[in-house]
Amino acid sequence: MQAVTTPHINTQYQNEDIQIDIKEIELPISAILPYLKPEEFNAYCQTGCENYSNKWTCPPHCPPFMEYAVGYTHIKLILYKTDCHQFSFIESEDRALTAYNFAKDLLQNNLRKIEAEQERFIGPNSCEICTVCKAAQANACHLPHLIRYNLVAFGFNVTNIMEDLFQHQLEWAKAGQVPNHVSSVGAILLRK
């Protein structure tokens, strides 16, 4: 199955023109399951992420993917990519993170907007609705109807999804070096 490049988004950040390139691929749920490795990737979350156990949308609170996806037959993966040189007005040490957060937030907002009554989105990142998640104090979420999980929290190997399904190479920021581009991926669960 081939990813489809869709028209890009032209938008602005701090009054500067920014272009976000988009790729989408729709496939049966069964086709994404080889990339699901919750034991391996949730262990990375536990040892390397401050959100582990501190957000209701992160492990170990995240439900198993097949439980969350029950009743859905297909998944549409959506990739947003933006070139970091478009953010040259940002200091180089902050450029990649600024570009990533901008693309991620735009994708998250667009997924929430297009989510129809019969669909459910999977965000590009952990929940950021509240400044401090109630999970950190072991309290119930006060906005459970807004909770959406992300591919990493379910235990998906996002790097392999990007490479295999989108033929897209992730670039990582390194000390003193700005990557050429940053990427963010989310999804919509569909009933067909």
C-alpha atoms as a PDB file:
ATOM      1  CA  MET A   1       0.000   0.000   0.000  1.00  0.00           C
ATOM      2  CA  GLN A   2       1.393   3.377  -1.048  1.00  0.00           C
ATOM      3  CA  ALA A   3       1.187   6.581   0.966  1.00  0.00           C
ATOM      4  CA  VAL A   4      -0.672   9.373  -0.790  1.00  0.00           C
ATOM      5  CA  THR A   5       0.771  12.855  -0.736  1.00  0.00           C
ATOM      6  CA  THR A   6      -1.993  15.386  -0.274  1.00  0.00           C
ATOM      7  CA  PRO A   7      -1.852  19.144  -0.790  1.00  0.00           C
ATOM      8  CA  HIS A   8       0.279  20.905   1.772  1.00  0.00           C
ATOM      9  CA  ILE A   9      -0.952  23.379   4.339  1.00  0.00           C
ATOM     10  CA  ASN A  10       0.161  26.982   4.085  1.00  0.00           C
ATOM     11  CA  THR A  11      -0.030  28.653   7.458  1.00  0.00           C
ATOM     12  CA  GLN A  12       1.817  31.180   9.600  1.00  0.00           C
ATOM     13  CA  TYR A  13       3.904  31.175  12.738  1.00  0.00           C
ATOM     14  CA  GLN A  14       4.896  34.529  14.263  1.00  0.00           C
ATOM     15  CA  ASN A  15       3.784  36.244  11.030  1.00  0.00           C
ATOM     16  CA  GLU A  16       6.113  34.059   8.934  1.00  0.00           C
ATOM     17  CA  ASP A  17       4.816  31.797   6.151  1.00  0.00           C
ATOM     18  CA  ILE A  18       5.171  28.100   6.949  1.00  0.00           C
ATOM     19  CA  GLN A  19       4.400  25.127   4.710  1.00  0.00           C
ATOM     20  CA  ILE A  20       3.478  21.729   6.159  1.00  0.00           C
ATOM     21  CA  ASP A  21       3.749  18.762   3.802  1.00  0.00           C
ATOM     22  CA  ILE A  22       1.165  16.018   4.325  1.00  0.00           C
ATOM     23  CA  LYS A  23       1.122  12.309   3.521  1.00  0.00           C
ATOM     24  CA  GLU A  24      -1.736   9.946   4.327  1.00  0.00           C
ATOM     25  CA  ILE A  25      -2.176   6.225   4.114  1.00  0.00           C
ATOM     26  CA  GLU A  26      -5.300   4.231   4.894  1.00  0.00           C
ATOM     27  CA  LEU A  27      -5.114   0.534   5.698  1.00  0.00           C
ATOM     28  CA  PRO A  28      -6.959  -2.212   7.506  1.00  0.00           C
ATOM     29  CA  ILE A  29      -6.233  -2.353  11.236  1.00  0.00           C
ATOM     30  CA  SER A  30      -4.628  -5.762  10.710  1.00  0.00           C
ATOM     31  CA  ALA A  31      -1.938  -4.176   8.487  1.00  0.00           C
ATOM     32  CA  ILE A  32      -0.688  -1.915  11.305  1.00  0.00           C
ATOM     33  CA  LEU A  33      -0.475  -4.663  13.947  1.00  0.00           C
ATOM     34  CA  PRO A  34       3.049  -5.854  12.994  1.00  0.00           C
ATOM     35  CA  TYR A  35       4.272  -2.459  14.230  1.00  0.00           C
ATOM     36  CA  LEU A  36       2.586  -2.872  17.618  1.00  0.00           C
ATOM     37  CA  LYS A  37       5.117  -3.899  20.273  1.00  0.00           C
ATOM     38  CA  PRO A  38       3.773  -2.567  23.598  1.00  0.00           C
ATOM     39  CA  GLU A  39       6.133  -4.517  25.862  1.00  0.00           C
ATOM     40  CA  GLU A  40       9.197  -3.091  24.113  1.00  0.00           C
ATOM     41  CA  PHE A  41       8.029   0.479  23.566  1.00  0.00           C
ATOM     42  CA  ASN A  42       6.215   0.922  26.886  1.00  0.00           C
ATOM     43  CA  ALA A  43       9.483  -0.096  28.564  1.00  0.00           C
ATOM     44  CA  TYR A  44      11.181   2.805  26.746  1.00  0.00           C
ATOM     45  CA  CYS A  45       8.448   5.095  28.058  1.00  0.00           C
ATOM     46  CA  GLN A  46       8.974   3.825  31.593  1.00  0.00           C
ATOM     47  CA  THR A  47      12.713   4.433  31.572  1.00  0.00           C
ATOM     48  CA  GLY A  48      12.933   7.542  29.419  1.00  0.00           C
ATOM     49  CA  CYS A  49       9.810   9.692  29.616  1.00  0.00           C
ATOM     50  CA  GLU A  50       8.661  11.979  32.392  1.00  0.00           C
ATOM     51  CA  ASN A  51       5.031  11.443  31.349  1.00  0.00           C
ATOM     52  CA  TYR A  52       5.109   7.744  32.253  1.00  0.00           C
ATOM     53  CA  SER A  53       2.426   7.210  34.919  1.00  0.00           C
ATOM     54  CA  ASN A  54       1.918  10.988  35.135  1.00  0.00           C
ATOM     55  CA  LYS A  55      -0.606  11.387  32.316  1.00  0.00           C
ATOM     56  CA  TRP A  56      -3.826   9.495  31.754  1.00  0.00           C
ATOM     57  CA  THR A  57      -2.940   9.214  28.061  1.00  0.00           C
ATOM     58  CA  CYS A  58       0.437   7.567  28.700  1.00  0.00           C
ATOM     59  CA  PRO A  59       1.497   4.108  29.872  1.00  0.00           C
ATOM     60  CA  PRO A  60       0.593   2.377  32.072  1.00  0.00           C
ATOM     61  CA  HIS A  61      -2.817   4.121  31.898  1.00  0.00           C
ATOM     62  CA  CYS A  62      -3.216   3.780  28.130  1.00  0.00           C
ATOM     63  CA  PRO A  63      -5.548   0.898  27.210  1.00  0.00           C
ATOM     64  CA  PRO A  64      -4.379  -1.864  24.875  1.00  0.00           C
ATOM     65  CA  PHE A  65      -4.685  -0.718  21.260  1.00  0.00           C
ATOM     66  CA  MET A  66      -7.069  -3.522  20.232  1.00  0.00           C
ATOM     67  CA  GLU A  67      -9.375  -2.608  23.126  1.00  0.00           C
ATOM     68  CA  TYR A  68      -9.364   1.055  22.073  1.00  0.00           C
ATOM     69  CA  ALA A  69      -9.865   0.162  18.397  1.00  0.00           C
ATOM     70  CA  VAL A  70     -12.685  -2.350  18.926  1.00  0.00           C
ATOM     71  CA  GLY A  71     -15.367  -1.878  16.277  1.00  0.00           C
ATOM     72  CA  TYR A  72     -13.037  -0.008  13.904  1.00  0.00           C
ATOM     73  CA  THR A  73     -11.849  -1.743  10.738  1.00  0.00           C
ATOM     74  CA  HIS A  74      -9.364   0.721   9.212  1.00  0.00           C
ATOM     75  CA  ILE A  75      -6.803   3.301  10.239  1.00  0.00           C
ATOM     76  CA  LYS A  76      -5.759   6.404   8.330  1.00  0.00           C
ATOM     77  CA  LEU A  77      -2.258   7.476   9.295  1.00  0.00           C
ATOM     78  CA  ILE A  78      -1.465  11.152   8.716  1.00  0.00           C
ATOM     79  CA  LEU A  79       2.089  12.503   8.550  1.00  0.00           C
ATOM     80  CA  TYR A  80       2.936  16.201   8.846  1.00  0.00           C
ATOM     81  CA  LYS A  81       6.462  17.260   7.856  1.00  0.00           C
ATOM     82  CA  THR A  82       7.963  20.723   7.913  1.00  0.00           C
ATOM     83  CA  ASP A  83      11.396  21.938   6.937  1.00  0.00           C
ATOM     84  CA  CYS A  84      13.289  23.572   9.775  1.00  0.00           C
ATOM     85  CA  HIS A  85      14.817  26.249   7.522  1.00  0.00           C
ATOM     86  CA  GLN A  86      11.352  27.867   7.467  1.00  0.00           C
ATOM     87  CA  PHE A  87      11.940  28.690  11.143  1.00  0.00           C
ATOM     88  CA  SER A  88      15.288  30.434  10.559  1.00  0.00           C
ATOM     89  CA  PHE A  89      13.955  33.433  12.521  1.00  0.00           C
ATOM     90  CA  ILE A  90      14.138  31.215  15.661  1.00  0.00           C
ATOM     91  CA  GLU A  91      17.475  30.739  17.440  1.00  0.00           C
ATOM     92  CA  SER A  92      19.130  27.548  16.172  1.00  0.00           C
ATOM     93  CA  GLU A  93      19.089  25.819  19.580  1.00  0.00           C
ATOM     94  CA  ASP A  94      15.290  26.178  19.739  1.00  0.00           C
ATOM     95  CA  ARG A  95      14.478  25.828  16.035  1.00  0.00           C
ATOM     96  CA  ALA A  96      13.834  22.067  15.774  1.00  0.00           C
ATOM     97  CA  LEU A  97      11.680  21.931  18.904  1.00  0.00           C
ATOM     98  CA  THR A  98       9.706  25.010  17.828  1.00  0.00           C
ATOM     99  CA  ALA A  99       9.123  23.536  14.346  1.00  0.00           C
ATOM    100  CA  TYR A 100       8.156  20.144  15.822  1.00  0.00           C
ATOM    101  CA  ASN A 101       5.750  21.613  18.382  1.00  0.00           C
ATOM    102  CA  PHE A 102       4.144  23.787  15.729  1.00  0.00           C
ATOM    103  CA  ALA A 103       3.565  20.845  13.335  1.00  0.00           C
ATOM    104  CA  LYS A 104       2.427  18.553  16.168  1.00  0.00           C
ATOM    105  CA  ASP A 105      -0.037  21.062  17.577  1.00  0.00           C
ATOM    106  CA  LEU A 106      -1.433  21.799  14.117  1.00  0.00           C
ATOM    107  CA  LEU A 107      -1.891  18.077  13.459  1.00  0.00           C
ATOM    108  CA  GLN A 108      -3.515  17.532  16.882  1.00  0.00           C
ATOM    109  CA  ASN A 109      -5.945  20.420  16.324  1.00  0.00           C
ATOM    110  CA  ASN A 110      -6.805  19.277  12.800  1.00  0.00           C
ATOM    111  CA  LEU A 111      -7.388  15.689  13.945  1.00  0.00           C
ATOM    112  CA  ARG A 112      -9.718  16.914  16.683  1.00  0.00           C
ATOM    113  CA  LYS A 113     -11.631  19.041  14.126  1.00  0.00           C
ATOM    114  CA  ILE A 114     -12.086  16.256  11.569  1.00  0.00           C
ATOM    115  CA  GLU A 115     -12.982  13.606  14.109  1.00  0.00           C
ATOM    116  CA  ALA A 116     -16.555  12.704  13.221  1.00  0.00           C
ATOM    117  CA  GLU A 117     -19.073  11.075  15.510  1.00  0.00           C
ATOM    118  CA  GLN A 118     -18.260   7.644  14.077  1.00  0.00           C
ATOM    119  CA  GLU A 119     -14.491   8.139  14.064  1.00  0.00           C
ATOM    120  CA  ARG A 120     -11.822   8.419  16.749  1.00  0.00           C
ATOM    121  CA  PHE A 121      -8.430  10.035  16.395  1.00  0.00           C
ATOM    122  CA  ILE A 122      -5.046   9.012  17.728  1.00  0.00           C
ATOM    123  CA  GLY A 123      -2.940  12.065  18.469  1.00  0.00           C
ATOM    124  CA  PRO A 124       0.661  12.814  17.647  1.00  0.00           C
ATOM    125  CA  ASN A 125       1.609  13.302  21.288  1.00  0.00           C
ATOM    126  CA  SER A 126       0.464  12.810  24.849  1.00  0.00           C
ATOM    127  CA  CYS A 127      -2.452  14.902  26.064  1.00  0.00           C
ATOM    128  CA  GLU A 128      -1.666  18.563  26.683  1.00  0.00           C
ATOM    129  CA  ILE A 129      -5.143  19.855  27.537  1.00  0.00           C
ATOM    130  CA  CYS A 130      -4.355  20.417  31.214  1.00  0.00           C
ATOM    131  CA  THR A 131      -1.211  22.077  32.534  1.00  0.00           C
ATOM    132  CA  VAL A 132      -0.816  19.300  35.119  1.00  0.00           C
ATOM    133  CA  CYS A 133      -2.605  16.018  34.514  1.00  0.00           C
ATOM    134  CA  LYS A 134      -4.685  14.662  37.390  1.00  0.00           C
ATOM    135  CA  ALA A 135      -2.930  11.286  36.963  1.00  0.00           C
ATOM    136  CA  ALA A 136       0.140  12.745  38.687  1.00  0.00           C
ATOM    137  CA  GLN A 137      -1.949  13.028  41.885  1.00  0.00           C
ATOM    138  CA  ALA A 138      -3.823   9.773  41.231  1.00  0.00           C
ATOM    139  CA  ASN A 139      -7.050  11.707  40.618  1.00  0.00           C
ATOM    140  CA  ALA A 140      -9.572  10.990  37.880  1.00  0.00           C
ATOM    141  CA  CYS A 141      -9.410  12.952  34.635  1.00  0.00           C
ATOM    142  CA  HIS A 142     -11.978  15.759  34.692  1.00  0.00           C
ATOM    143  CA  LEU A 143     -12.212  15.802  30.859  1.00  0.00           C
ATOM    144  CA  PRO A 144     -12.407  12.079  30.002  1.00  0.00           C
ATOM    145  CA  HIS A 145     -14.469  12.764  26.858  1.00  0.00           C
ATOM    146  CA  LEU A 146     -11.435  14.595  25.398  1.00  0.00           C
ATOM    147  CA  ILE A 147      -8.862  11.881  26.121  1.00  0.00           C
ATOM    148  CA  ARG A 148      -7.097  10.656  22.980  1.00  0.00           C
ATOM    149  CA  TYR A 149      -4.022   8.480  23.062  1.00  0.00           C
ATOM    150  CA  ASN A 150      -1.034   8.434  20.715  1.00  0.00           C
ATOM    151  CA  LEU A 151       0.708   5.755  18.670  1.00  0.00           C
ATOM    152  CA  VAL A 152       3.757   5.624  20.950  1.00  0.00           C
ATOM    153  CA  ALA A 153       1.626   5.223  24.093  1.00  0.00           C
ATOM    154  CA  PHE A 154      -0.095   2.222  22.514  1.00  0.00           C
ATOM    155  CA  GLY A 155       3.352   0.755  21.850  1.00  0.00           C
ATOM    156  CA  PHE A 156       3.715   1.280  18.109  1.00  0.00           C
ATOM    157  CA  ASN A 157       7.149   1.484  16.496  1.00  0.00           C
ATOM    158  CA  VAL A 158       6.635   4.878  14.869  1.00  0.00           C
ATOM    159  CA  THR A 159      10.092   4.918  13.267  1.00  0.00           C
ATOM    160  CA  ASN A 160       9.310   1.743  11.326  1.00  0.00           C
ATOM    161  CA  ILE A 161       5.831   3.015  10.415  1.00  0.00           C
ATOM    162  CA  MET A 162       7.414   6.167   8.969  1.00  0.00           C
ATOM    163  CA  GLU A 163      10.084   4.240   7.048  1.00  0.00           C
ATOM    164  CA  ASP A 164       8.002   1.299   5.808  1.00  0.00           C
ATOM    165  CA  LEU A 165       4.598   2.844   5.153  1.00  0.00           C
ATOM    166  CA  PHE A 166       5.505   6.440   4.287  1.00  0.00           C
ATOM    167  CA  GLN A 167       9.031   5.869   2.917  1.00  0.00           C
ATOM    168  CA  HIS A 168       9.939   8.750   5.212  1.00  0.00           C
ATOM    169  CA  GLN A 169      13.133   9.053   7.204  1.00  0.00           C
ATOM    170  CA  LEU A 170      12.874  10.645  10.636  1.00  0.00           C
ATOM    171  CA  GLU A 171      15.562  13.176  11.476  1.00  0.00           C
ATOM    172  CA  TRP A 172      16.586  13.856  15.040  1.00  0.00           C
ATOM    173  CA  ALA A 173      17.981  17.054  16.501  1.00  0.00           C
ATOM    174  CA  LYS A 174      21.549  16.731  17.717  1.00  0.00           C
ATOM    175  CA  ALA A 175      23.520  19.093  19.927  1.00  0.00           C
ATOM    176  CA  GLY A 176      24.553  22.085  17.852  1.00  0.00           C
ATOM    177  CA  GLN A 177      22.860  20.743  14.716  1.00  0.00           C
ATOM    178  CA  VAL A 178      19.392  21.554  13.362  1.00  0.00           C
ATOM    179  CA  PRO A 179      17.768  18.731  11.354  1.00  0.00           C
ATOM    180  CA  ASN A 180      16.527  19.453   7.823  1.00  0.00           C
ATOM    181  CA  HIS A 181      12.963  18.598   8.791  1.00  0.00           C
ATOM    182  CA  VAL A 182      10.754  17.495  11.673  1.00  0.00           C
ATOM    183  CA  SER A 183       7.799  15.122  11.489  1.00  0.00           C
ATOM    184  CA  SER A 184       4.675  14.261  13.423  1.00  0.00           C
ATOM    185  CA  VAL A 185       2.205  11.428  12.866  1.00  0.00           C
ATOM    186  CA  GLY A 186      -1.329  10.821  14.073  1.00  0.00           C
ATOM    187  CA  ALA A 187      -4.265   8.735  12.906  1.00  0.00           C
ATOM    188  CA  ILE A 188      -8.000   8.393  12.524  1.00  0.00           C
ATOM    189  CA  LEU A 189      -9.735   5.099  13.276  1.00  0.00           C
ATOM    190  CA  LEU A 190     -12.468   4.348  10.716  1.00  0.00           C
ATOM    191  CA  ARG A 191     -15.414   1.998  10.340  1.00  0.00           C
ATOM    192  CA  LYS A 192     -15.776   0.735   6.769  1.00  0.00           C
END
